[in-house]
Amino acid sequence: MAEIIAEIKKIPPVTRFLVLSSLGVTVPAIIGVVPMHKLVFVTYLITKKWEVWRVFTSLFFGTMRLEYLFHLMMLYRNSNSLESTHYERRSSDYAWQLFLASLGVIALNRPFGSMVHDHAFLNCLTYLMCALAPPGAQTSVMGLITIPVKYFPYALLAIDVINGRASEGVTGMIVGHLWWWLVWGAGTGAGSVEQGRLAGLAVAPRWLRDLFGERGREHRATNRNGYQAQAPRQRAEQAAGARVTGHTWGSGHRLGDH
């Protein structure tokens, strides 16, 4: 048991929260401990009966079918990829931007009357991960065909259309695109920095940075209308897996040493 807990703790904090939230909301519904109708988004019950937990549970309530395992694995893979590279040592920024993105997902799905938002939320994450992938990166679709990563969200959208879930797929992609465009701008690859027009607003509040123990750490976010702070070039190249260029000059010698 201790080994399992140790392995769970190795997962980045925000990704760990997302995966455990998905399991904590979906599994009790599957085994019948919690009624499904208590977990879905119902505007009247939220605004009039103050059942505000439905906002949270609607983002993590997965399908009752076997495909939930695929959904859970994608949630872990995509979030872990983002938090371990583009948001490395900046989990508070990732959490803050996820919070804003989840509000966008819920808002865009209101006209469609969606009662669960887990699929749109996952599509949002998938779109951002693919948009930030290094140029030329490829991935497989269900292990059948290999395509460029940038086209992966559209492949998933085609599957959503076939399964009658087009609205969820489209809304998730829209929020994901806005996240990439407004926060990251043209940034791609693991060494990129936020350079979108709203990058400054995407920085986590101080109380959230304190909660993650990241107070005083360096921000990589940039704001076209304000300051700009970037990580050193060498750290960016190492994060991207690139070879650090330049000559190693050694420690040197003092005059008179032999």
C-alpha atoms as a PDB file:
ATOM      1  CA  MET A   1       0.000   0.000   0.000  1.00  0.00           C
ATOM      2  CA  ALA A   2       2.841   2.367   0.843  1.00  0.00           C
ATOM      3  CA  GLU A   3       4.398   1.727  -2.562  1.00  0.00           C
ATOM      4  CA  ILE A   4       1.130   2.600  -4.313  1.00  0.00           C
ATOM      5  CA  ILE A   5       0.854   5.856  -2.369  1.00  0.00           C
ATOM      6  CA  ALA A   6       4.486   6.655  -3.209  1.00  0.00           C
ATOM      7  CA  GLU A   7       3.799   6.133  -6.913  1.00  0.00           C
ATOM      8  CA  ILE A   8       0.691   8.323  -6.762  1.00  0.00           C
ATOM      9  CA  LYS A   9       2.703  11.099  -5.126  1.00  0.00           C
ATOM     10  CA  LYS A  10       5.100  11.055  -8.082  1.00  0.00           C
ATOM     11  CA  ILE A  11       2.310  12.293 -10.331  1.00  0.00           C
ATOM     12  CA  PRO A  12       2.322  16.115 -10.716  1.00  0.00           C
ATOM     13  CA  PRO A  13      -0.171  17.667  -8.261  1.00  0.00           C
ATOM     14  CA  VAL A  14      -2.756  19.080 -10.673  1.00  0.00           C
ATOM     15  CA  THR A  15      -2.770  15.923 -12.802  1.00  0.00           C
ATOM     16  CA  ARG A  16      -3.130  13.844  -9.650  1.00  0.00           C
ATOM     17  CA  PHE A  17      -6.101  15.976  -8.594  1.00  0.00           C
ATOM     18  CA  LEU A  18      -7.779  15.593 -12.006  1.00  0.00           C
ATOM     19  CA  VAL A  19      -7.373  11.813 -12.120  1.00  0.00           C
ATOM     20  CA  LEU A  20      -8.476  11.268  -8.513  1.00  0.00           C
ATOM     21  CA  SER A  21     -11.441  13.616  -9.027  1.00  0.00           C
ATOM     22  CA  SER A  22     -12.537  11.652 -12.083  1.00  0.00           C
ATOM     23  CA  LEU A  23     -12.286   8.369 -10.192  1.00  0.00           C
ATOM     24  CA  GLY A  24     -13.896   9.839  -7.080  1.00  0.00           C
ATOM     25  CA  VAL A  25     -16.926  11.095  -9.019  1.00  0.00           C
ATOM     26  CA  THR A  26     -17.379   8.301 -11.571  1.00  0.00           C
ATOM     27  CA  VAL A  27     -16.641   5.109  -9.627  1.00  0.00           C
ATOM     28  CA  PRO A  28     -19.232   5.713  -6.855  1.00  0.00           C
ATOM     29  CA  ALA A  29     -21.852   6.274  -9.570  1.00  0.00           C
ATOM     30  CA  ILE A  30     -20.835   3.079 -11.385  1.00  0.00           C
ATOM     31  CA  ILE A  31     -21.142   0.912  -8.283  1.00  0.00           C
ATOM     32  CA  GLY A  32     -24.387   2.619  -7.241  1.00  0.00           C
ATOM     33  CA  VAL A  33     -23.167   4.368  -4.096  1.00  0.00           C
ATOM     34  CA  VAL A  34     -24.135   7.808  -5.426  1.00  0.00           C
ATOM     35  CA  PRO A  35     -27.166   8.374  -7.716  1.00  0.00           C
ATOM     36  CA  MET A  36     -26.149   9.623 -11.160  1.00  0.00           C
ATOM     37  CA  HIS A  37     -28.776  12.381 -11.127  1.00  0.00           C
ATOM     38  CA  LYS A  38     -26.971  13.950  -8.154  1.00  0.00           C
ATOM     39  CA  LEU A  39     -23.808  14.511 -10.226  1.00  0.00           C
ATOM     40  CA  VAL A  40     -25.032  16.145 -13.427  1.00  0.00           C
ATOM     41  CA  PHE A  41     -25.329  19.855 -14.225  1.00  0.00           C
ATOM     42  CA  VAL A  42     -28.865  21.182 -13.721  1.00  0.00           C
ATOM     43  CA  THR A  43     -29.044  24.969 -13.789  1.00  0.00           C
ATOM     44  CA  TYR A  44     -32.208  25.241 -11.704  1.00  0.00           C
ATOM     45  CA  LEU A  45     -30.871  23.013  -8.925  1.00  0.00           C
ATOM     46  CA  ILE A  46     -27.586  24.920  -8.858  1.00  0.00           C
ATOM     47  CA  THR A  47     -29.024  28.435  -8.827  1.00  0.00           C
ATOM     48  CA  LYS A  48     -32.241  27.850  -6.858  1.00  0.00           C
ATOM     49  CA  LYS A  49     -31.443  24.879  -4.622  1.00  0.00           C
ATOM     50  CA  TRP A  50     -27.767  25.767  -4.125  1.00  0.00           C
ATOM     51  CA  GLU A  51     -26.524  22.335  -5.207  1.00  0.00           C
ATOM     52  CA  VAL A  52     -23.273  23.951  -6.295  1.00  0.00           C
ATOM     53  CA  TRP A  53     -21.272  20.715  -6.215  1.00  0.00           C
ATOM     54  CA  ARG A  54     -22.867  19.854  -9.553  1.00  0.00           C
ATOM     55  CA  VAL A  55     -20.596  22.392 -11.255  1.00  0.00           C
ATOM     56  CA  PHE A  56     -17.582  20.370 -10.136  1.00  0.00           C
ATOM     57  CA  THR A  57     -18.971  16.860 -10.569  1.00  0.00           C
ATOM     58  CA  SER A  58     -20.247  17.576 -14.095  1.00  0.00           C
ATOM     59  CA  LEU A  59     -16.639  18.129 -15.188  1.00  0.00           C
ATOM     60  CA  PHE A  60     -15.495  14.712 -13.942  1.00  0.00           C
ATOM     61  CA  PHE A  61     -18.524  12.442 -14.282  1.00  0.00           C
ATOM     62  CA  GLY A  62     -17.414   9.960 -16.932  1.00  0.00           C
ATOM     63  CA  THR A  63     -19.387   7.499 -19.001  1.00  0.00           C
ATOM     64  CA  MET A  64     -20.694   4.313 -17.458  1.00  0.00           C
ATOM     65  CA  ARG A  65     -19.296   2.284 -20.355  1.00  0.00           C
ATOM     66  CA  LEU A  66     -15.910   0.653 -20.891  1.00  0.00           C
ATOM     67  CA  GLU A  67     -14.690   3.673 -22.851  1.00  0.00           C
ATOM     68  CA  TYR A  68     -14.280   5.453 -19.522  1.00  0.00           C
ATOM     69  CA  LEU A  69     -10.926   3.676 -19.130  1.00  0.00           C
ATOM     70  CA  PHE A  70      -9.766   5.216 -22.411  1.00  0.00           C
ATOM     71  CA  HIS A  71     -11.020   8.598 -21.231  1.00  0.00           C
ATOM     72  CA  LEU A  72      -9.163   8.272 -17.915  1.00  0.00           C
ATOM     73  CA  MET A  73      -5.909   7.276 -19.600  1.00  0.00           C
ATOM     74  CA  MET A  74      -6.138  10.221 -21.996  1.00  0.00           C
ATOM     75  CA  LEU A  75      -6.864  12.595 -19.115  1.00  0.00           C
ATOM     76  CA  TYR A  76      -3.766  11.381 -17.292  1.00  0.00           C
ATOM     77  CA  ARG A  77      -1.509  11.345 -20.367  1.00  0.00           C
ATOM     78  CA  ASN A  78      -2.513  14.755 -21.684  1.00  0.00           C
ATOM     79  CA  SER A  79      -2.481  16.539 -18.341  1.00  0.00           C
ATOM     80  CA  ASN A  80       0.771  14.921 -17.252  1.00  0.00           C
ATOM     81  CA  SER A  81       2.382  15.937 -20.541  1.00  0.00           C
ATOM     82  CA  LEU A  82       1.345  19.565 -20.073  1.00  0.00           C
ATOM     83  CA  GLU A  83       2.244  19.820 -16.398  1.00  0.00           C
ATOM     84  CA  SER A  84       5.595  18.066 -16.776  1.00  0.00           C
ATOM     85  CA  THR A  85       6.809  20.180 -19.689  1.00  0.00           C
ATOM     86  CA  HIS A  86       5.051  23.463 -20.411  1.00  0.00           C
ATOM     87  CA  TYR A  87       4.031  24.017 -16.771  1.00  0.00           C
ATOM     88  CA  GLU A  88       7.033  22.458 -15.086  1.00  0.00           C
ATOM     89  CA  ARG A  89       7.472  23.967 -11.596  1.00  0.00           C
ATOM     90  CA  ARG A  90       4.405  26.133 -12.363  1.00  0.00           C
ATOM     91  CA  SER A  91       1.534  23.893 -11.308  1.00  0.00           C
ATOM     92  CA  SER A  92      -0.275  26.871  -9.801  1.00  0.00           C
ATOM     93  CA  ASP A  93      -0.426  28.587 -13.200  1.00  0.00           C
ATOM     94  CA  TYR A  94      -1.688  25.352 -14.727  1.00  0.00           C
ATOM     95  CA  ALA A  95      -4.384  24.998 -12.059  1.00  0.00           C
ATOM     96  CA  TRP A  96      -5.494  28.617 -12.497  1.00  0.00           C
ATOM     97  CA  GLN A  97      -5.710  28.336 -16.280  1.00  0.00           C
ATOM     98  CA  LEU A  98      -7.582  25.035 -15.967  1.00  0.00           C
ATOM     99  CA  PHE A  99     -10.100  26.720 -13.690  1.00  0.00           C
ATOM    100  CA  LEU A 100     -10.701  29.477 -16.241  1.00  0.00           C
ATOM    101  CA  ALA A 101     -10.912  26.942 -19.079  1.00  0.00           C
ATOM    102  CA  SER A 102     -13.471  24.856 -17.163  1.00  0.00           C
ATOM    103  CA  LEU A 103     -15.672  27.935 -16.768  1.00  0.00           C
ATOM    104  CA  GLY A 104     -15.408  28.476 -20.519  1.00  0.00           C
ATOM    105  CA  VAL A 105     -16.375  24.861 -21.201  1.00  0.00           C
ATOM    106  CA  ILE A 106     -19.458  25.119 -18.994  1.00  0.00           C
ATOM    107  CA  ALA A 107     -20.486  28.472 -20.476  1.00  0.00           C
ATOM    108  CA  LEU A 108     -20.205  27.294 -24.083  1.00  0.00           C
ATOM    109  CA  ASN A 109     -22.240  24.180 -23.346  1.00  0.00           C
ATOM    110  CA  ARG A 110     -25.143  26.033 -21.729  1.00  0.00           C
ATOM    111  CA  PRO A 111     -26.994  26.644 -25.053  1.00  0.00           C
ATOM    112  CA  PHE A 112     -26.831  22.892 -25.733  1.00  0.00           C
ATOM    113  CA  GLY A 113     -28.203  21.979 -22.319  1.00  0.00           C
ATOM    114  CA  SER A 114     -25.294  19.615 -21.611  1.00  0.00           C
ATOM    115  CA  MET A 115     -25.552  17.931 -18.241  1.00  0.00           C
ATOM    116  CA  VAL A 116     -21.999  16.539 -18.178  1.00  0.00           C
ATOM    117  CA  HIS A 117     -18.864  18.310 -19.346  1.00  0.00           C
ATOM    118  CA  ASP A 118     -16.115  15.742 -18.872  1.00  0.00           C
ATOM    119  CA  HIS A 119     -15.734  15.035 -22.590  1.00  0.00           C
ATOM    120  CA  ALA A 120     -15.567  18.701 -23.592  1.00  0.00           C
ATOM    121  CA  PHE A 121     -13.088  19.304 -20.756  1.00  0.00           C
ATOM    122  CA  LEU A 122     -10.870  16.485 -22.017  1.00  0.00           C
ATOM    123  CA  ASN A 123     -11.067  17.760 -25.597  1.00  0.00           C
ATOM    124  CA  CYS A 124      -9.968  21.174 -24.355  1.00  0.00           C
ATOM    125  CA  LEU A 125      -6.872  19.676 -22.704  1.00  0.00           C
ATOM    126  CA  THR A 126      -6.139  17.535 -25.751  1.00  0.00           C
ATOM    127  CA  TYR A 127      -6.308  20.516 -28.088  1.00  0.00           C
ATOM    128  CA  LEU A 128      -3.883  22.545 -25.977  1.00  0.00           C
ATOM    129  CA  MET A 129      -1.434  19.649 -25.660  1.00  0.00           C
ATOM    130  CA  CYS A 130      -1.460  19.110 -29.427  1.00  0.00           C
ATOM    131  CA  ALA A 131      -1.143  22.837 -30.180  1.00  0.00           C
ATOM    132  CA  LEU A 132       1.950  23.050 -27.962  1.00  0.00           C
ATOM    133  CA  ALA A 133       3.563  19.892 -29.332  1.00  0.00           C
ATOM    134  CA  PRO A 134       6.889  20.344 -31.151  1.00  0.00           C
ATOM    135  CA  PRO A 135       6.598  20.734 -34.939  1.00  0.00           C
ATOM    136  CA  GLY A 136       6.618  17.389 -36.691  1.00  0.00           C
ATOM    137  CA  ALA A 137       5.474  15.374 -33.656  1.00  0.00           C
ATOM    138  CA  GLN A 138       3.210  12.437 -34.474  1.00  0.00           C
ATOM    139  CA  THR A 139       0.761  10.241 -32.618  1.00  0.00           C
ATOM    140  CA  SER A 140      -1.439   7.239 -33.300  1.00  0.00           C
ATOM    141  CA  VAL A 141      -5.224   7.144 -33.452  1.00  0.00           C
ATOM    142  CA  MET A 142      -6.431   4.145 -31.456  1.00  0.00           C
ATOM    143  CA  GLY A 143      -3.231   2.363 -32.448  1.00  0.00           C
ATOM    144  CA  LEU A 144      -4.410   2.084 -36.053  1.00  0.00           C
ATOM    145  CA  ILE A 145      -2.921   4.982 -37.991  1.00  0.00           C
ATOM    146  CA  THR A 146      -0.205   7.547 -37.308  1.00  0.00           C
ATOM    147  CA  ILE A 147      -0.918  11.214 -37.943  1.00  0.00           C
ATOM    148  CA  PRO A 148       0.716  14.567 -37.061  1.00  0.00           C
ATOM    149  CA  VAL A 149      -0.173  15.564 -33.497  1.00  0.00           C
ATOM    150  CA  LYS A 150      -1.718  18.848 -34.657  1.00  0.00           C
ATOM    151  CA  TYR A 151      -4.462  16.892 -36.451  1.00  0.00           C
ATOM    152  CA  PHE A 152      -5.252  14.606 -33.499  1.00  0.00           C
ATOM    153  CA  PRO A 153      -8.053  16.801 -32.041  1.00  0.00           C
ATOM    154  CA  TYR A 154      -9.803  16.777 -35.424  1.00  0.00           C
ATOM    155  CA  ALA A 155      -9.566  12.995 -35.578  1.00  0.00           C
ATOM    156  CA  LEU A 156     -11.229  12.842 -32.174  1.00  0.00           C
ATOM    157  CA  LEU A 157     -13.877  15.287 -33.386  1.00  0.00           C
ATOM    158  CA  ALA A 158     -14.657  12.988 -36.317  1.00  0.00           C
ATOM    159  CA  ILE A 159     -15.189  10.152 -33.838  1.00  0.00           C
ATOM    160  CA  ASP A 160     -17.431  12.429 -31.749  1.00  0.00           C
ATOM    161  CA  VAL A 161     -19.544  13.222 -34.813  1.00  0.00           C
ATOM    162  CA  ILE A 162     -19.987   9.500 -35.479  1.00  0.00           C
ATOM    163  CA  ASN A 163     -20.965   8.922 -31.853  1.00  0.00           C
ATOM    164  CA  GLY A 164     -23.380  11.871 -31.805  1.00  0.00           C
ATOM    165  CA  ARG A 165     -21.275  14.020 -29.465  1.00  0.00           C
ATOM    166  CA  ALA A 166     -20.277  16.758 -31.901  1.00  0.00           C
ATOM    167  CA  SER A 167     -21.317  19.658 -29.660  1.00  0.00           C
ATOM    168  CA  GLU A 168     -19.105  18.462 -26.802  1.00  0.00           C
ATOM    169  CA  GLY A 169     -16.164  17.952 -29.134  1.00  0.00           C
ATOM    170  CA  VAL A 170     -16.528  21.354 -30.801  1.00  0.00           C
ATOM    171  CA  THR A 171     -16.975  23.346 -27.581  1.00  0.00           C
ATOM    172  CA  GLY A 172     -13.950  21.685 -26.024  1.00  0.00           C
ATOM    173  CA  MET A 173     -11.829  22.479 -29.082  1.00  0.00           C
ATOM    174  CA  ILE A 174     -13.003  26.103 -29.106  1.00  0.00           C
ATOM    175  CA  VAL A 175     -11.998  26.620 -25.465  1.00  0.00           C
ATOM    176  CA  GLY A 176      -8.709  24.810 -26.068  1.00  0.00           C
ATOM    177  CA  HIS A 177      -7.952  27.022 -29.071  1.00  0.00           C
ATOM    178  CA  LEU A 178      -8.764  30.184 -27.118  1.00  0.00           C
ATOM    179  CA  TRP A 179      -6.515  28.957 -24.302  1.00  0.00           C
ATOM    180  CA  TRP A 180      -3.630  28.418 -26.727  1.00  0.00           C
ATOM    181  CA  TRP A 181      -4.193  31.631 -28.679  1.00  0.00           C
ATOM    182  CA  LEU A 182      -4.851  34.056 -25.812  1.00  0.00           C
ATOM    183  CA  VAL A 183      -2.313  32.645 -23.356  1.00  0.00           C
ATOM    184  CA  TRP A 184       0.398  30.950 -25.388  1.00  0.00           C
ATOM    185  CA  GLY A 185       0.117  32.840 -28.674  1.00  0.00           C
ATOM    186  CA  ALA A 186       2.598  31.319 -31.111  1.00  0.00           C
ATOM    187  CA  GLY A 187       4.417  29.314 -28.446  1.00  0.00           C
ATOM    188  CA  THR A 188       5.081  25.690 -29.349  1.00  0.00           C
ATOM    189  CA  GLY A 189       7.393  23.023 -28.010  1.00  0.00           C
ATOM    190  CA  ALA A 190       8.529  22.322 -24.465  1.00  0.00           C
ATOM    191  CA  GLY A 191      10.796  25.371 -24.292  1.00  0.00           C
ATOM    192  CA  SER A 192       8.147  27.884 -25.305  1.00  0.00           C
ATOM    193  CA  VAL A 193       6.787  30.665 -23.117  1.00  0.00           C
ATOM    194  CA  GLU A 194       3.362  32.249 -22.845  1.00  0.00           C
ATOM    195  CA  GLN A 195       3.229  35.207 -25.195  1.00  0.00           C
ATOM    196  CA  GLY A 196      -0.484  35.633 -25.840  1.00  0.00           C
ATOM    197  CA  ARG A 197      -2.358  38.853 -25.224  1.00  0.00           C
ATOM    198  CA  LEU A 198      -3.829  37.565 -21.957  1.00  0.00           C
ATOM    199  CA  ALA A 199      -0.694  35.806 -20.722  1.00  0.00           C
ATOM    200  CA  GLY A 200      -0.374  38.216 -17.793  1.00  0.00           C
ATOM    201  CA  LEU A 201      -3.890  37.405 -16.598  1.00  0.00           C
ATOM    202  CA  ALA A 202      -3.114  33.681 -16.775  1.00  0.00           C
ATOM    203  CA  VAL A 203      -0.585  33.924 -13.950  1.00  0.00           C
ATOM    204  CA  ALA A 204      -1.914  32.329 -10.763  1.00  0.00           C
ATOM    205  CA  PRO A 205      -2.915  34.627  -7.870  1.00  0.00           C
ATOM    206  CA  ARG A 206      -0.473  34.848  -4.992  1.00  0.00           C
ATOM    207  CA  TRP A 207      -2.669  32.788  -2.653  1.00  0.00           C
ATOM    208  CA  LEU A 208      -2.709  29.933  -5.157  1.00  0.00           C
ATOM    209  CA  ARG A 209       1.063  30.080  -5.649  1.00  0.00           C
ATOM    210  CA  ASP A 210       1.455  29.940  -1.867  1.00  0.00           C
ATOM    211  CA  LEU A 211      -0.847  26.928  -1.742  1.00  0.00           C
ATOM    212  CA  PHE A 212       1.425  25.089  -4.174  1.00  0.00           C
ATOM    213  CA  GLY A 213       4.546  26.263  -2.370  1.00  0.00           C
ATOM    214  CA  GLU A 214       5.662  28.236  -5.425  1.00  0.00           C
ATOM    215  CA  ARG A 215       5.970  31.667  -3.857  1.00  0.00           C
ATOM    216  CA  GLY A 216       8.961  33.569  -5.166  1.00  0.00           C
ATOM    217  CA  ARG A 217       9.506  31.228  -8.093  1.00  0.00           C
ATOM    218  CA  GLU A 218      10.253  32.600 -11.529  1.00  0.00           C
ATOM    219  CA  HIS A 219       7.399  33.257 -13.945  1.00  0.00           C
ATOM    220  CA  ARG A 220       7.848  32.388 -17.572  1.00  0.00           C
ATOM    221  CA  ALA A 221       4.668  34.119 -18.661  1.00  0.00           C
ATOM    222  CA  THR A 222       4.910  37.097 -20.949  1.00  0.00           C
ATOM    223  CA  ASN A 223       2.479  39.920 -21.569  1.00  0.00           C
ATOM    224  CA  ARG A 224       2.589  41.993 -24.709  1.00  0.00           C
ATOM    225  CA  ASN A 225       1.118  44.898 -22.800  1.00  0.00           C
ATOM    226  CA  GLY A 226       3.418  44.652 -19.801  1.00  0.00           C
ATOM    227  CA  TYR A 227       6.507  42.974 -18.452  1.00  0.00           C
ATOM    228  CA  GLN A 228       8.296  40.024 -19.945  1.00  0.00           C
ATOM    229  CA  ALA A 229      10.151  37.374 -17.978  1.00  0.00           C
ATOM    230  CA  GLN A 230      11.558  34.264 -19.578  1.00  0.00           C
ATOM    231  CA  ALA A 231      13.502  31.284 -18.367  1.00  0.00           C
ATOM    232  CA  PRO A 232      17.158  31.160 -19.372  1.00  0.00           C
ATOM    233  CA  ARG A 233      17.853  29.838 -22.854  1.00  0.00           C
ATOM    234  CA  GLN A 234      19.739  26.856 -21.579  1.00  0.00           C
ATOM    235  CA  ARG A 235      16.876  25.696 -19.335  1.00  0.00           C
ATOM    236  CA  ALA A 236      14.393  26.076 -22.182  1.00  0.00           C
ATOM    237  CA  GLU A 237      16.565  23.976 -24.482  1.00  0.00           C
ATOM    238  CA  GLN A 238      17.028  21.309 -21.843  1.00  0.00           C
ATOM    239  CA  ALA A 239      13.274  21.205 -21.205  1.00  0.00           C
ATOM    240  CA  ALA A 240      12.737  20.717 -24.930  1.00  0.00           C
ATOM    241  CA  GLY A 241      15.274  17.914 -25.021  1.00  0.00           C
ATOM    242  CA  ALA A 242      17.551  19.913 -27.260  1.00  0.00           C
ATOM    243  CA  ARG A 243      21.335  19.782 -27.131  1.00  0.00           C
ATOM    244  CA  VAL A 244      22.776  22.735 -25.280  1.00  0.00           C
ATOM    245  CA  THR A 245      25.084  24.516 -27.665  1.00  0.00           C
ATOM    246  CA  GLY A 246      28.192  26.469 -26.963  1.00  0.00           C
ATOM    247  CA  HIS A 247      31.787  25.688 -25.984  1.00  0.00           C
ATOM    248  CA  THR A 248      32.749  24.478 -22.529  1.00  0.00           C
ATOM    249  CA  TRP A 249      35.684  26.601 -21.520  1.00  0.00           C
ATOM    250  CA  GLY A 250      36.640  24.730 -18.346  1.00  0.00           C
ATOM    251  CA  SER A 251      37.495  26.175 -14.956  1.00  0.00           C
ATOM    252  CA  GLY A 252      40.614  28.087 -16.122  1.00  0.00           C
ATOM    253  CA  HIS A 253      43.945  28.708 -14.377  1.00  0.00           C
ATOM    254  CA  ARG A 254      45.395  31.621 -12.488  1.00  0.00           C
ATOM    255  CA  LEU A 255      48.529  33.301 -13.795  1.00  0.00           C
ATOM    256  CA  GLY A 256      51.627  31.641 -12.362  1.00  0.00           C
ATOM    257  CA  ASP A 257      49.987  28.196 -11.962  1.00  0.00           C
ATOM    258  CA  HIS A 258      51.677  25.282 -13.724  1.00  0.00           C
END
